[in-house]
Protein backbone atom coordinates (compact mmCIF):
# COMPACT_ATOMS: atom_id res chain seq x y z
CA MET A 1 67.06 65.77 211.66
CA MET A 2 69.68 68.03 210.04
CA THR A 3 72.13 67.18 212.81
CA SER A 4 71.48 63.48 212.30
CA ILE A 5 72.12 63.78 208.56
CA GLU A 6 75.36 65.67 209.15
CA SER A 7 76.51 62.93 211.54
CA ILE A 8 75.94 60.10 209.03
CA LYS A 9 79.23 58.30 208.51
CA VAL A 10 80.81 56.13 205.84
CA GLY A 11 83.45 54.34 207.84
CA GLU A 12 85.36 57.19 209.48
CA VAL A 13 84.19 59.74 206.91
CA GLN A 14 81.21 62.00 207.59
CA TYR A 15 79.46 64.97 206.01
CA SER A 16 82.03 67.55 207.17
CA ASP A 17 84.70 65.62 205.25
CA LEU A 18 82.67 65.46 202.04
CA CYS A 19 80.85 68.78 201.96
CA TYR A 20 81.63 71.74 199.74
CA LYS A 21 83.51 74.48 201.59
CA PRO A 22 83.52 77.55 199.33
CA LEU A 23 85.91 79.70 201.36
CA GLY A 24 88.01 76.88 202.71
CA GLU A 25 90.08 76.83 199.51
CA PHE A 26 90.13 80.43 198.30
CA ASN A 27 90.27 82.52 201.45
CA LYS A 28 93.84 82.02 202.63
CA THR A 29 93.61 84.70 205.34
CA HIS A 30 90.50 83.43 207.09
CA PRO A 31 90.03 79.82 205.98
CA SER A 32 86.59 78.45 206.72
CA GLU A 33 85.87 74.82 207.50
CA ASP A 34 82.11 75.39 207.43
CA CYS A 35 80.05 73.47 204.90
CA ALA A 36 77.84 75.27 202.40
CA THR A 37 74.57 73.99 203.84
CA LEU A 38 71.62 76.10 202.80
CA SER A 39 68.76 76.28 205.29
CA ILE A 40 66.62 78.78 207.16
CA PHE A 41 68.52 77.93 210.34
CA GLN A 42 71.62 79.60 208.95
CA TRP A 43 69.79 82.87 209.52
CA LEU A 44 69.65 81.92 213.21
CA ASP A 45 73.35 81.03 213.32
CA ASN A 46 72.30 77.38 213.72
CA ASP A 47 71.57 78.23 217.36
CA ARG A 48 68.83 76.08 218.91
CA THR A 49 68.40 78.46 221.84
CA LEU A 50 67.05 81.17 219.54
CA LEU A 51 64.11 78.92 218.67
CA GLU A 52 63.15 78.87 222.32
CA GLN A 53 62.87 82.66 222.43
CA THR A 54 59.30 83.17 221.28
CA GLY A 55 58.90 85.98 218.78
CA SER A 56 62.51 87.09 218.50
CA TYR A 57 63.55 84.43 216.04
CA MET A 58 60.53 85.20 213.85
CA ASP A 59 61.68 88.81 213.56
CA ARG A 60 65.11 87.58 212.54
CA ILE A 61 63.63 85.24 209.93
CA GLU A 62 61.41 87.97 208.49
CA LEU A 63 64.38 90.33 208.24
CA CYS A 64 66.63 87.76 206.56
CA ALA A 65 63.90 86.60 204.21
CA GLU A 66 63.70 90.14 202.85
CA ALA A 67 67.50 90.61 202.65
CA SER A 68 69.44 87.38 203.08
CA ALA A 69 72.74 89.11 202.19
CA LEU A 70 72.76 91.29 205.33
CA PRO A 71 75.83 90.66 207.53
CA GLN A 72 73.73 89.33 210.40
CA CYS A 73 71.98 86.90 208.04
CA LEU A 74 75.02 85.36 206.40
CA ALA A 75 75.46 81.62 206.79
CA SER A 76 78.29 80.07 208.74
CA PHE A 77 80.24 79.57 205.50
CA ARG A 78 80.18 83.40 205.09
CA GLY A 79 77.75 83.38 202.20
CA PRO A 80 74.03 84.15 201.91
CA SER A 81 71.42 81.46 202.39
CA SER A 82 69.09 82.88 199.72
CA THR A 83 65.38 82.92 200.48
CA HIS A 84 64.46 81.15 197.23
CA TYR A 85 66.62 78.18 198.26
CA VAL A 86 65.29 77.73 201.80
CA LEU A 87 61.61 78.72 201.63
CA GLY A 88 58.84 77.56 199.33
CA GLY A 89 55.10 77.54 198.98
CA TYR A 90 54.64 81.31 199.23
CA ASP A 91 53.03 83.62 196.68
CA ALA A 92 55.79 84.43 194.19
CA ASP A 93 54.07 87.65 193.10
CA LYS A 94 53.34 89.07 196.55
CA LEU A 95 56.59 87.70 198.07
CA ASN A 96 54.82 86.99 201.36
CA TYR A 97 57.71 84.94 202.70
CA MET A 98 56.19 84.52 206.17
CA ASP A 99 53.35 82.50 204.63
CA ALA A 100 55.77 79.90 203.29
CA SER A 101 54.60 76.33 203.76
CA THR A 102 57.82 74.53 202.85
CA LEU A 103 61.29 74.52 204.38
CA MET A 104 64.10 73.38 202.10
CA VAL A 105 67.56 72.23 203.10
CA THR A 106 70.45 71.72 200.67
CA PHE A 107 73.55 69.75 201.63
CA ALA A 108 76.26 70.73 199.13
CA LEU A 109 78.89 68.06 198.50
CA ASP A 110 82.38 68.34 197.07
CA GLY A 111 82.61 66.77 193.63
CA SER A 112 86.33 65.94 193.74
CA GLU A 113 87.21 62.65 192.05
CA ASP A 114 88.90 61.27 195.15
CA LYS A 115 85.67 61.73 197.13
CA VAL A 116 83.14 60.35 194.65
CA ASP A 117 83.02 56.81 196.07
CA ASP A 118 82.53 58.03 199.64
CA ILE A 119 79.90 60.55 198.49
CA LEU A 120 77.90 57.83 196.74
CA LYS A 121 77.99 55.66 199.86
CA TRP A 122 77.08 58.64 202.06
CA GLU A 123 74.07 59.45 199.84
CA THR A 124 72.94 55.83 200.09
CA ASN A 125 73.10 55.96 203.89
CA MET A 126 71.27 59.30 203.86
CA LYS A 127 68.51 57.81 201.71
CA GLU A 128 68.03 54.89 204.10
CA TYR A 129 67.88 57.25 207.07
CA LEU A 130 65.34 59.60 205.48
CA LEU A 131 63.13 56.73 204.28
CA GLN A 132 62.99 55.57 207.89
CA GLN A 133 62.10 59.09 209.01
CA ILE A 134 59.28 59.26 206.46
CA GLU A 135 57.73 56.21 208.10
CA LYS A 136 58.30 57.42 211.67
CA ARG A 137 57.64 61.17 211.37
CA THR A 138 54.15 60.98 209.90
CA GLU A 139 53.38 64.50 211.15
CA LEU A 140 55.89 65.86 208.62
CA ASN A 141 55.66 65.73 204.85
CA ILE A 142 59.27 64.81 204.07
CA ALA A 143 60.60 64.63 200.53
CA PHE A 144 64.21 64.43 199.37
CA SER A 145 66.53 63.72 196.49
CA SER A 146 70.25 63.39 195.78
CA ASP A 147 72.59 63.35 192.80
CA ARG A 148 72.40 59.58 192.46
CA ALA A 149 68.70 59.24 193.35
CA LEU A 150 67.25 59.52 189.83
CA GLU A 151 69.79 57.10 188.36
CA ASP A 152 69.19 54.60 191.17
CA GLU A 153 65.41 54.72 190.74
CA ILE A 154 65.65 54.32 186.97
CA ASP A 155 68.00 51.38 187.47
CA ARG A 156 65.53 49.84 189.91
CA ALA A 157 62.71 50.31 187.41
CA SER A 158 64.79 48.73 184.66
CA HIS A 159 65.42 45.64 186.77
CA ALA A 160 61.72 45.45 187.62
CA ASP A 161 60.84 45.56 183.92
CA ILE A 162 62.96 42.48 183.18
CA PHE A 163 59.96 40.37 184.20
CA THR A 164 57.76 42.27 181.73
CA ILE A 165 60.25 41.73 178.92
CA ILE A 166 60.54 38.02 179.70
CA LEU A 167 56.77 37.68 179.86
CA SER A 168 56.34 39.44 176.52
CA TYR A 169 58.79 37.06 174.84
CA ILE A 170 57.08 34.04 176.39
CA LEU A 171 53.72 35.27 175.09
CA MET A 172 55.30 35.83 171.68
CA PHE A 173 56.66 32.27 171.76
CA VAL A 174 53.13 31.01 172.32
CA TYR A 175 51.51 33.33 169.79
CA VAL A 176 54.00 32.72 166.97
CA GLY A 177 54.05 28.99 167.57
CA ALA A 178 50.24 28.82 167.52
CA THR A 179 49.67 31.02 164.46
CA LEU A 180 52.50 29.97 162.13
CA GLY A 181 51.07 26.57 161.30
CA ASP A 182 47.84 25.36 159.68
CA PHE A 183 44.97 23.66 161.44
CA HIS A 184 43.44 20.24 161.01
CA SER A 185 40.37 18.46 162.30
CA SER A 186 42.41 15.66 163.89
CA VAL A 187 44.87 16.01 166.74
CA SER A 188 47.65 14.28 164.80
CA GLY A 189 47.00 16.52 161.82
CA CYS A 190 47.31 19.63 164.00
CA PHE A 191 50.65 18.48 165.38
CA LEU A 192 51.85 17.56 161.92
CA HIS A 193 51.13 20.96 160.37
CA SER A 194 51.89 23.10 163.45
CA LYS A 195 55.10 25.16 163.66
CA VAL A 196 55.61 25.58 167.39
CA LEU A 197 59.31 24.73 167.48
CA LEU A 198 59.92 26.75 164.33
CA GLY A 199 58.13 29.73 165.87
CA VAL A 200 60.21 29.43 169.04
CA GLY A 201 63.33 29.38 166.89
CA GLY A 202 62.21 32.56 165.11
CA VAL A 203 61.67 34.41 168.38
CA VAL A 204 64.99 33.16 169.77
CA ILE A 205 66.70 34.63 166.70
CA VAL A 206 65.10 38.00 167.51
CA LEU A 207 66.34 37.70 171.09
CA ILE A 208 69.86 36.89 169.87
CA SER A 209 69.71 40.00 167.67
CA VAL A 210 68.87 42.22 170.63
CA VAL A 211 71.61 40.71 172.80
CA SER A 212 74.11 41.05 169.93
CA ALA A 213 73.28 44.73 169.47
CA LEU A 214 73.73 45.44 173.19
CA GLY A 215 76.99 43.49 173.17
CA VAL A 216 78.44 45.29 170.13
CA THR A 217 77.56 48.76 171.45
CA SER A 218 78.89 47.85 174.89
CA PHE A 219 82.18 46.69 173.32
CA ALA A 220 82.32 49.99 171.42
CA GLY A 221 82.02 51.88 174.71
CA LEU A 222 78.53 53.28 174.09
CA PRO A 223 76.41 53.55 177.24
CA SER A 224 73.00 51.89 177.33
CA THR A 225 70.21 54.30 178.16
CA LEU A 226 66.76 53.61 179.56
CA ILE A 227 65.29 54.01 176.08
CA VAL A 228 67.57 51.32 174.67
CA ILE A 229 66.95 48.82 177.46
CA GLU A 230 63.19 49.35 177.60
CA VAL A 231 62.29 49.85 173.94
CA ILE A 232 64.74 47.87 171.78
CA PRO A 233 63.58 44.38 172.89
CA PHE A 234 59.95 45.18 172.07
CA LEU A 235 60.77 47.06 168.86
CA ILE A 236 62.94 44.32 167.37
CA LEU A 237 60.44 41.70 168.51
CA ALA A 238 57.66 43.49 166.62
CA VAL A 239 59.72 44.16 163.50
CA GLY A 240 61.85 41.02 163.44
CA VAL A 241 59.03 38.46 163.48
CA ASP A 242 57.57 39.76 160.20
CA ASN A 243 60.06 37.95 157.98
CA VAL A 244 59.43 34.72 159.89
CA TYR A 245 55.75 34.83 158.94
CA ILE A 246 56.60 35.76 155.34
CA MET A 247 58.95 32.82 154.83
CA VAL A 248 56.77 30.26 156.59
CA GLN A 249 53.63 31.35 154.75
CA GLY A 250 55.57 31.20 151.47
CA VAL A 251 56.61 27.61 152.13
CA GLN A 252 53.08 26.66 153.21
CA ARG A 253 51.57 28.00 150.01
CA ILE A 254 53.97 25.91 147.90
CA VAL A 255 53.43 22.77 150.03
CA ASN A 256 49.64 23.12 150.03
CA GLY A 257 49.69 23.57 146.28
CA LYS A 258 51.66 20.34 145.85
CA ILE A 259 49.26 18.51 148.16
CA ARG A 260 46.23 19.73 146.21
CA ARG A 261 47.83 18.60 142.94
CA GLY A 262 48.52 15.18 144.42
CA GLU A 263 52.29 15.46 144.13
CA THR A 264 54.49 13.31 146.31
CA LEU A 265 56.37 15.09 149.08
CA ASN A 266 59.73 13.65 150.13
CA ARG A 267 63.21 14.77 151.13
CA GLY A 268 64.12 15.36 147.50
CA VAL A 269 61.64 18.21 147.01
CA VAL A 270 62.53 20.10 150.21
CA ARG A 271 65.41 22.00 148.67
CA GLY A 272 63.30 23.00 145.65
CA ILE A 273 60.49 24.24 147.90
CA ILE A 274 62.92 26.40 149.93
CA SER A 275 64.48 27.77 146.72
CA SER A 276 61.09 28.62 145.23
CA MET A 277 60.07 30.38 148.42
CA MET A 278 63.27 32.41 148.49
CA LYS A 279 62.81 33.53 144.89
CA ASP A 280 59.33 34.79 145.79
CA VAL A 281 59.93 36.54 149.12
CA PHE A 282 63.66 37.24 149.46
CA PRO A 283 63.72 40.41 147.28
CA ALA A 284 60.93 41.91 149.39
CA MET A 285 62.73 40.89 152.60
CA ILE A 286 65.94 42.57 151.49
CA LEU A 287 64.23 45.83 150.54
CA SER A 288 62.09 45.89 153.69
CA SER A 289 65.01 45.16 156.05
CA LEU A 290 67.29 47.61 154.22
CA CYS A 291 64.66 50.34 154.49
CA GLN A 292 64.27 49.71 158.23
CA MET A 293 68.03 49.74 158.85
CA VAL A 294 68.54 52.94 156.85
CA ALA A 295 65.69 54.64 158.70
CA PHE A 296 67.19 53.86 162.09
CA ALA A 297 70.75 54.57 160.91
CA LEU A 298 69.68 58.10 159.97
CA GLY A 299 68.73 58.58 163.61
CA SER A 300 72.44 58.40 164.49
CA LEU A 301 72.83 61.80 162.80
CA SER A 302 71.00 63.35 165.74
CA PHE A 303 72.98 65.52 168.14
CA MET A 304 71.31 63.86 171.15
CA PRO A 305 73.49 61.02 172.55
CA SER A 306 70.47 59.03 173.78
CA VAL A 307 68.91 59.09 170.30
CA GLN A 308 72.24 58.15 168.73
CA ASN A 309 72.64 55.14 171.05
CA PHE A 310 69.09 54.06 170.32
CA ALA A 311 69.70 54.33 166.56
CA TYR A 312 72.96 52.36 166.79
CA ASN A 313 71.35 49.54 168.78
CA ALA A 314 68.29 49.34 166.54
CA THR A 315 70.36 49.31 163.33
CA ILE A 316 72.73 46.61 164.58
CA ALA A 317 69.86 44.51 165.93
CA LEU A 318 67.99 44.68 162.61
CA LEU A 319 71.15 43.81 160.66
CA VAL A 320 71.92 40.78 162.84
CA ASN A 321 68.27 39.73 162.74
CA PHE A 322 68.23 39.83 158.92
CA LEU A 323 71.50 37.88 158.64
CA LEU A 324 70.27 35.19 161.04
CA GLN A 325 66.91 34.91 159.29
CA SER A 326 68.66 34.58 155.93
CA THR A 327 70.88 31.76 157.20
CA LEU A 328 70.00 30.15 160.52
CA PHE A 329 66.23 30.38 160.15
CA LEU A 330 66.39 28.87 156.65
CA ILE A 331 68.16 25.86 158.16
CA LEU A 332 65.45 25.58 160.83
CA LEU A 333 62.78 25.92 158.15
CA ARG A 334 64.40 23.16 156.09
CA VAL A 335 64.56 20.85 159.12
CA ASP A 336 60.89 21.54 159.91
CA LEU A 337 59.87 20.90 156.30
CA MET A 338 61.78 17.60 156.28
CA ARG A 339 59.95 16.66 159.46
CA MET A 340 56.62 17.37 157.83
CA VAL A 341 57.25 15.45 154.58
CA GLU A 342 58.38 12.48 156.66
CA LYS A 343 55.04 12.74 158.50
CA ARG A 344 56.61 13.39 161.91
CA LEU A 345 54.73 15.41 164.51
CA ASP A 346 55.89 18.80 165.71
CA MET A 347 57.50 18.55 169.18
CA LEU A 348 57.05 14.75 168.94
CA CYS A 349 59.41 13.94 166.11
CA CYS A 350 59.49 10.22 166.91
CA VAL A 351 55.76 9.89 166.21
CA LYS A 352 54.46 9.70 162.64
CA ALA A 353 51.02 10.63 161.26
CA LYS A 354 49.23 10.47 157.93
CA LEU A 355 49.92 13.47 155.69
CA ARG A 356 46.62 15.15 154.83
CA LYS A 357 45.55 18.45 153.39
CA PRO A 358 45.40 20.98 156.24
CA SER A 359 42.60 23.43 156.81
CA ARG A 360 43.11 27.16 156.81
CA GLY A 361 44.37 28.96 159.88
CA PRO A 362 42.25 31.64 161.58
CA SER A 363 44.13 34.52 159.95
CA ARG A 364 43.79 33.14 156.41
CA TRP A 365 40.16 32.24 157.07
CA PHE A 366 39.32 35.76 158.28
CA ILE A 367 41.20 37.53 155.47
CA GLU A 368 39.91 35.36 152.61
CA ASP A 369 36.29 35.00 153.71
CA TYR A 370 35.56 38.30 155.37
CA LEU A 371 38.12 41.12 155.17
CA SER A 372 38.90 40.90 151.45
CA LYS A 373 35.24 40.51 150.54
CA PHE A 374 34.27 43.50 152.69
CA LEU A 375 36.99 45.82 151.37
CA PHE A 376 36.31 45.08 147.72
CA ALA A 377 32.58 44.54 147.86
CA ASN A 378 31.99 47.82 145.98
CA LYS A 379 33.80 51.03 145.16
CA TRP A 380 31.94 53.06 147.80
CA ILE A 381 33.48 51.13 150.69
CA SER A 382 36.98 51.77 149.36
CA ALA A 383 36.19 55.46 148.88
CA VAL A 384 34.82 55.79 152.43
CA ILE A 385 37.93 54.13 153.89
CA LEU A 386 40.25 56.44 151.93
CA ILE A 387 38.31 59.55 152.99
CA PHE A 388 38.24 58.44 156.64
CA PHE A 389 41.99 57.94 156.88
CA ALA A 390 42.67 61.16 154.98
CA CYS A 391 40.57 63.08 157.52
CA PHE A 392 42.15 61.18 160.39
CA THR A 393 45.66 62.06 159.18
CA SER A 394 44.72 65.71 158.66
CA ALA A 395 43.27 65.96 162.16
CA ASN A 396 46.48 64.59 163.66
CA LEU A 397 48.58 67.05 161.66
CA VAL A 398 46.51 69.88 163.12
CA LEU A 399 47.17 68.58 166.68
CA ILE A 400 50.96 68.30 166.26
CA PRO A 401 51.64 71.94 167.39
CA TYR A 402 49.98 71.09 170.72
CA LEU A 403 52.48 68.31 171.39
CA LYS A 404 54.43 68.98 174.59
CA LEU A 405 58.13 68.45 174.03
CA GLY A 406 60.57 67.33 176.68
CA LEU A 407 60.96 64.45 179.11
CA GLU A 408 59.95 65.04 182.70
CA PRO A 409 61.96 63.04 185.25
CA THR A 410 58.72 61.72 186.73
CA MET A 411 57.92 59.94 183.45
CA ALA A 412 60.98 57.71 183.88
CA LEU A 413 60.26 56.82 187.52
CA PRO A 414 58.30 53.83 188.84
CA THR A 415 54.95 54.62 190.41
CA ASP A 416 56.16 53.69 193.90
CA SER A 417 59.27 55.89 193.82
CA TYR A 418 59.90 58.25 196.72
CA LEU A 419 61.15 60.83 194.20
CA LEU A 420 57.64 61.41 192.86
CA LYS A 421 56.72 63.28 196.04
CA TYR A 422 59.94 65.28 195.82
CA TYR A 423 59.32 66.41 192.23
CA ASP A 424 55.70 67.19 193.04
CA ILE A 425 56.79 69.54 195.84
CA VAL A 426 59.52 71.06 193.67
CA TYR A 427 57.03 71.83 190.89
CA THR A 428 54.44 73.32 193.23
CA ASP A 429 56.48 75.01 195.98
CA TYR A 430 59.92 75.74 194.55
CA ARG A 431 60.17 79.36 193.46
CA ILE A 432 63.19 79.19 191.17
CA GLY A 433 63.88 77.26 188.00
CA PRO A 434 66.56 74.65 187.31
CA GLY A 435 70.17 75.69 187.81
CA MET A 436 72.48 76.90 185.05
CA ASN A 437 76.21 76.23 185.23
CA PHE A 438 79.04 78.13 183.54
CA VAL A 439 82.46 76.52 183.20
CA PHE A 440 85.52 78.75 182.89
CA LYS A 441 88.37 77.02 181.11
CA SER A 442 92.07 77.89 181.02
CA ARG A 443 91.87 79.29 184.53
CA ASN A 444 93.43 77.94 187.70
CA GLY A 445 90.50 77.68 190.09
CA SER A 446 92.65 78.06 193.20
CA GLU A 447 93.94 81.41 191.92
CA LEU A 448 90.59 82.70 190.66
CA ASP A 449 89.90 86.20 192.00
CA ILE A 450 86.32 86.11 193.28
CA TYR A 451 86.03 89.81 192.48
CA ASP A 452 87.00 89.33 188.83
CA ASN A 453 85.34 92.28 187.12
CA ARG A 454 84.61 90.31 183.96
CA ILE A 455 82.63 87.69 185.88
CA TYR A 456 80.97 89.53 188.76
CA GLY A 457 81.41 93.24 188.07
CA GLU A 458 79.78 94.19 191.36
CA LEU A 459 82.46 96.09 193.25
CA ILE A 460 83.82 97.78 190.13
CA SER A 461 80.81 98.49 187.97
CA ASN A 462 80.98 96.55 184.73
CA PRO A 463 77.62 96.42 182.89
CA ASP A 464 79.00 93.74 180.55
CA SER A 465 80.05 91.29 183.27
CA LEU A 466 78.55 87.81 183.15
CA LEU A 467 76.57 88.19 186.36
CA LYS A 468 74.98 91.52 185.39
CA THR A 469 74.25 90.29 181.88
CA MET A 470 72.39 87.26 183.24
CA LYS A 471 70.41 89.44 185.64
CA LYS A 472 68.90 91.24 182.66
CA TYR A 473 67.03 88.12 181.57
């Protein structure tokens, strides 16, 4: 299988052309063209015939597992194939390497800019090959990953969630359209006082706000993260529809009051109704929207780029949403009100009906007849509710220290991802933690002395060298 992976080609380019060759650049006397592939078979000089010699190769493996830096155990690239990188599943305390249940192979690739495109294509071909092997070689428990694997799987999950986002907006279209208007006993009365088209317009405005935020941040060169793509549409949908309900309910209260008083409704009173509604609700809308925008804008002060991008997108989306609701939605509301006073049906504007007093919607009916009466029936109910939520909040404050911080890669992956098996094996069988990289600036890498005493300090003892300092921890 290793040989097959090494022979995978991208056009005329194969693994040997893309791999990392540590001594091929620095060792001018004995240049090495061998790739830095880490595997247990490096201890056997990648010689298949040794595997056929029963017993002898096991002695070699046991020796190299204990001391992988011995001359006879060095890999073909003249470096050690460390035990922790090629064996897993053994007891880390007892170091019983021969009981290892997992073999690990690492194909190191060269990260030069001129090779990136070929490397990405090679990794794609490798993924397709290994996925086929997983299906064919059922006797083996194969798991793998690559540099681009996590990004590809997250991208696949994001595209799969487009259907969920579309479905949520469709459901919101239906919900807002059904709950904005009032009800009536007759069919014509229901269509007259319903607000389906107005509700659709309100949700479309929210959708425009989300698209505008993504467009502005994209124009500014800010990358869109998984958090932005997955969360912003739902967040702005939940927050942005509030003002739609506030304005529509404000207009309905004024209209219903005029109907109860027997006043005539015509085109001439539409402007006055809109103005009266704006005087009542617009100050609250401004303060509420401003508070939301400031709260998200403060998130941009974070030092985490993903949080900053999320804050930028949310702030811009809320700003655009407020501006559209203060202008475009008012025009839609005026058109809908003119339709109603002219006794034209919602969605069937060519059909007229008799204007009658509407009945209360389910939300108003529940709040006026049940919820308000229950909450204010007596002072003991209010006291019990206050005590309950005070205790509930206190209990949650006590549990905050037990919150696990961090984002595991598996939490961002779809449930059918092949990487889930890989991370499961890494967490259970891998015996070293994640890698740590140090970047040395103002140095010419091709002229870097690998025995630099300040970095390694092995040949010439230097207790303050970077390598020895890190070994202390």
